[in-house]
Amino acid sequence: MQFARSTKQILGGTLLASLLVAGTLSPAFAQKSASATSLKIGYFNLQMVKASGTGGDAEALKNQAESQLRRDIEAGQKAIQKAREDKKSEEDLKKIVQQVQTELAAKQQALAQLVQTQNQIETQRLMGAVNQVAKDKGLDLIVDGAGVFAGGQKVLDSGVDVTDDIVKTLTGARKAAAPEAKTASGETKTSTK
């Protein structure tokens, strides 16, 4: 009985202390109440931006990497098959298989890293273009119209479609960053990709 009473006192005291501490800290953790503010909102269609050809390097690179990896796998399989046809020993076959697997894993990792790096570059370019358009148009917020799960219709109805502006900004940035190339006659030619 004594134990039960002291446990209740400890628990009660701990609970009271917790409530007192929480009560004194609650203003610091209080959330702002919702208030009406006027925001200038823009939206864009990410799929249309990607389809415009202003930044499809990552997708093309991914396709090239996958194609190269398939060719490397086929070459590895041919090397193993040739070793079998040449009646290599079981030990030699294991070494060849291990070597092919090691090379393929290294190539796969390198290609994945290359694609990931290109994706990051494209994401940074897109973010730069979106920020530039927001600044140029005086917009407070720009969202991908397909990425709004609640209230999307309000954004589409009251927002500004800046898809074309983003494509133009990306196209302009790409032309400005395009390296100059020399033609066979030695003339300087600017890439317009």
Protein backbone atom coordinates (compact mmCIF):
# COMPACT_ATOMS: atom_id res chain seq x y z
CA MET A 1 0.00 0.00 0.00
CA GLN A 2 2.83 2.33 0.93
CA PHE A 3 4.55 1.50 -2.39
CA ALA A 4 1.41 2.21 -4.44
CA ARG A 5 0.90 5.56 -2.72
CA SER A 6 4.50 6.68 -3.25
CA THR A 7 4.36 5.57 -6.91
CA LYS A 8 1.21 7.67 -7.40
CA GLN A 9 2.89 10.64 -5.75
CA ILE A 10 6.00 10.27 -7.94
CA LEU A 11 3.98 9.85 -11.11
CA GLY A 12 1.66 12.68 -10.14
CA GLY A 13 4.61 14.93 -9.32
CA THR A 14 6.35 14.03 -12.59
CA LEU A 15 3.18 14.70 -14.55
CA LEU A 16 2.68 18.03 -12.79
CA ALA A 17 6.30 19.04 -13.42
CA SER A 18 5.97 18.06 -17.10
CA LEU A 19 2.83 20.15 -17.48
CA LEU A 20 4.47 23.14 -15.80
CA VAL A 21 7.51 22.90 -18.07
CA ALA A 22 5.34 22.42 -21.15
CA GLY A 23 3.19 25.36 -20.10
CA THR A 24 6.17 27.66 -19.89
CA LEU A 25 7.60 26.50 -23.20
CA SER A 26 4.40 26.39 -25.20
CA PRO A 27 4.61 29.99 -26.46
CA ALA A 28 8.00 29.20 -27.96
CA PHE A 29 6.56 26.23 -29.83
CA ALA A 30 3.25 27.77 -30.75
CA GLN A 31 2.40 27.70 -34.42
CA LYS A 32 1.50 30.81 -36.31
CA SER A 33 -2.19 31.15 -36.86
CA ALA A 34 -3.35 31.15 -40.44
CA SER A 35 -3.79 34.61 -41.83
CA ALA A 36 -4.75 35.88 -45.23
CA THR A 37 -1.80 37.15 -47.21
CA SER A 38 -1.60 38.09 -50.82
CA LEU A 39 0.83 35.94 -52.77
CA LYS A 40 1.61 36.11 -56.43
CA ILE A 41 1.64 32.48 -57.52
CA GLY A 42 2.97 30.95 -60.71
CA TYR A 43 2.91 27.39 -61.90
CA PHE A 44 4.53 25.38 -64.64
CA ASN A 45 4.20 21.99 -66.27
CA LEU A 46 7.41 20.07 -65.58
CA GLN A 47 6.62 17.43 -68.20
CA MET A 48 6.24 20.10 -70.88
CA VAL A 49 9.53 21.70 -69.82
CA LYS A 50 11.28 18.33 -70.10
CA ALA A 51 9.60 17.58 -73.43
CA SER A 52 10.76 20.93 -74.83
CA GLY A 53 14.27 19.54 -75.21
CA THR A 54 15.84 22.16 -72.97
CA GLY A 55 17.26 19.68 -70.52
CA GLY A 56 16.85 16.12 -71.75
CA ASP A 57 20.55 15.35 -71.46
CA ALA A 58 20.08 13.19 -68.37
CA GLU A 59 17.46 11.00 -70.02
CA ALA A 60 19.56 10.62 -73.17
CA LEU A 61 22.61 9.89 -71.04
CA LYS A 62 20.66 7.28 -69.08
CA ASN A 63 19.57 5.58 -72.30
CA GLN A 64 23.16 5.60 -73.61
CA ALA A 65 24.43 4.20 -70.31
CA GLU A 66 21.89 1.39 -70.35
CA SER A 67 22.74 0.59 -73.95
CA GLN A 68 26.47 0.56 -73.18
CA LEU A 69 25.89 -1.67 -70.17
CA ARG A 70 23.90 -4.15 -72.30
CA ARG A 71 26.76 -4.24 -74.82
CA ASP A 72 29.25 -4.81 -72.00
CA ILE A 73 27.13 -7.65 -70.60
CA GLU A 74 26.96 -9.27 -74.03
CA ALA A 75 30.73 -8.91 -74.43
CA GLY A 76 31.23 -10.50 -71.00
CA GLN A 77 28.92 -13.38 -71.88
CA LYS A 78 30.80 -13.92 -75.13
CA ALA A 79 34.12 -13.99 -73.27
CA ILE A 80 32.77 -16.61 -70.88
CA GLN A 81 31.28 -18.62 -73.74
CA LYS A 82 34.59 -18.50 -75.64
CA ALA A 83 36.45 -19.71 -72.56
CA ARG A 84 34.04 -22.65 -72.33
CA GLU A 85 34.49 -23.42 -76.03
CA ASP A 86 38.27 -23.28 -75.59
CA LYS A 87 37.87 -25.91 -72.84
CA LYS A 88 39.39 -23.69 -70.13
CA SER A 89 39.75 -25.27 -66.72
CA GLU A 90 37.07 -24.78 -64.09
CA GLU A 91 39.45 -22.53 -62.15
CA ASP A 92 40.12 -20.35 -65.22
CA LEU A 93 36.39 -20.11 -65.93
CA LYS A 94 35.74 -18.94 -62.37
CA LYS A 95 38.45 -16.29 -62.73
CA ILE A 96 36.98 -15.07 -66.03
CA VAL A 97 33.46 -14.95 -64.58
CA GLN A 98 34.73 -13.07 -61.51
CA GLN A 99 36.64 -10.61 -63.71
CA VAL A 100 33.62 -10.00 -65.95
CA GLN A 101 31.37 -9.47 -62.90
CA THR A 102 33.86 -7.07 -61.31
CA GLU A 103 34.23 -5.05 -64.51
CA LEU A 104 30.48 -4.90 -65.06
CA ALA A 105 29.83 -3.79 -61.48
CA ALA A 106 32.45 -1.04 -61.79
CA LYS A 107 31.01 0.14 -65.13
CA GLN A 108 27.47 0.04 -63.79
CA GLN A 109 28.47 2.11 -60.76
CA ALA A 110 30.36 4.63 -62.90
CA LEU A 111 27.46 5.00 -65.32
CA ALA A 112 24.96 5.39 -62.48
CA GLN A 113 27.14 8.11 -60.94
CA LEU A 114 27.40 9.87 -64.30
CA VAL A 115 23.61 9.83 -64.76
CA GLN A 116 23.05 11.01 -61.17
CA THR A 117 25.48 13.89 -61.66
CA GLN A 118 23.71 14.92 -64.88
CA ASN A 119 20.33 14.79 -63.11
CA GLN A 120 21.67 17.07 -60.38
CA ILE A 121 23.01 19.52 -62.97
CA GLU A 122 19.65 19.59 -64.75
CA THR A 123 17.78 20.08 -61.48
CA GLN A 124 20.04 23.01 -60.62
CA ARG A 125 19.50 24.52 -64.08
CA LEU A 126 15.73 24.15 -63.67
CA MET A 127 15.80 25.71 -60.21
CA GLY A 128 17.87 28.60 -61.56
CA ALA A 129 15.42 29.15 -64.41
CA VAL A 130 12.40 28.98 -62.08
CA ASN A 131 14.01 31.46 -59.67
CA GLN A 132 14.88 33.79 -62.55
CA VAL A 133 11.32 33.70 -63.91
CA ALA A 134 9.93 34.31 -60.40
CA LYS A 135 12.20 37.32 -60.05
CA ASP A 136 11.40 38.66 -63.54
CA LYS A 137 7.63 38.24 -63.09
CA GLY A 138 7.54 39.37 -59.45
CA LEU A 139 6.11 36.05 -58.27
CA ASP A 140 6.32 34.93 -54.65
CA LEU A 141 5.82 31.23 -55.34
CA ILE A 142 6.14 28.93 -58.34
CA VAL A 143 4.98 25.32 -58.20
CA ASP A 144 4.84 22.40 -60.57
CA GLY A 145 1.13 22.31 -61.38
CA ALA A 146 1.10 18.50 -61.42
CA GLY A 147 2.66 18.36 -57.96
CA VAL A 148 -0.11 20.18 -56.08
CA PHE A 149 -2.29 17.64 -54.33
CA ALA A 150 -4.68 19.97 -52.54
CA GLY A 151 -5.87 23.36 -53.73
CA GLY A 152 -4.42 22.79 -57.16
CA GLN A 153 -7.41 24.18 -58.99
CA LYS A 154 -7.11 27.46 -57.07
CA VAL A 155 -3.46 27.69 -58.10
CA LEU A 156 -4.36 27.03 -61.72
CA ASP A 157 -7.27 29.49 -61.65
CA SER A 158 -5.50 32.36 -59.90
CA GLY A 159 -1.86 31.64 -60.72
CA VAL A 160 0.23 32.55 -63.73
CA ASP A 161 1.36 29.81 -66.13
CA VAL A 162 5.10 30.36 -66.54
CA THR A 163 5.92 27.14 -68.42
CA ASP A 164 6.89 28.95 -71.62
CA ASP A 165 8.95 31.50 -69.68
CA ILE A 166 10.91 28.72 -67.98
CA VAL A 167 11.53 26.98 -71.31
CA LYS A 168 12.75 30.27 -72.81
CA THR A 169 15.02 30.91 -69.82
CA LEU A 170 16.46 27.40 -70.05
CA THR A 171 16.93 27.74 -73.81
CA GLY A 172 18.67 31.09 -73.38
CA ALA A 173 20.91 29.72 -70.63
CA ARG A 174 21.78 26.70 -72.75
CA LYS A 175 22.70 28.85 -75.75
CA ALA A 176 24.80 31.12 -73.56
CA ALA A 177 26.62 28.14 -72.06
CA ALA A 178 27.13 26.31 -75.38
CA PRO A 179 30.81 25.95 -76.17
CA GLU A 180 32.14 27.36 -79.37
CA ALA A 181 33.35 24.78 -81.84
CA LYS A 182 35.80 25.09 -84.71
CA THR A 183 34.66 23.98 -88.12
CA ALA A 184 36.90 22.01 -90.47
CA SER A 185 37.97 25.29 -92.11
CA GLY A 186 38.98 26.72 -88.73
CA GLU A 187 36.02 29.08 -88.31
CA THR A 188 34.40 29.47 -84.93
CA LYS A 189 30.88 28.09 -84.77
CA THR A 190 28.54 28.40 -81.78
CA SER A 191 26.48 25.33 -80.92
CA THR A 192 22.71 25.96 -80.93
CA LYS A 193 21.61 22.69 -79.39
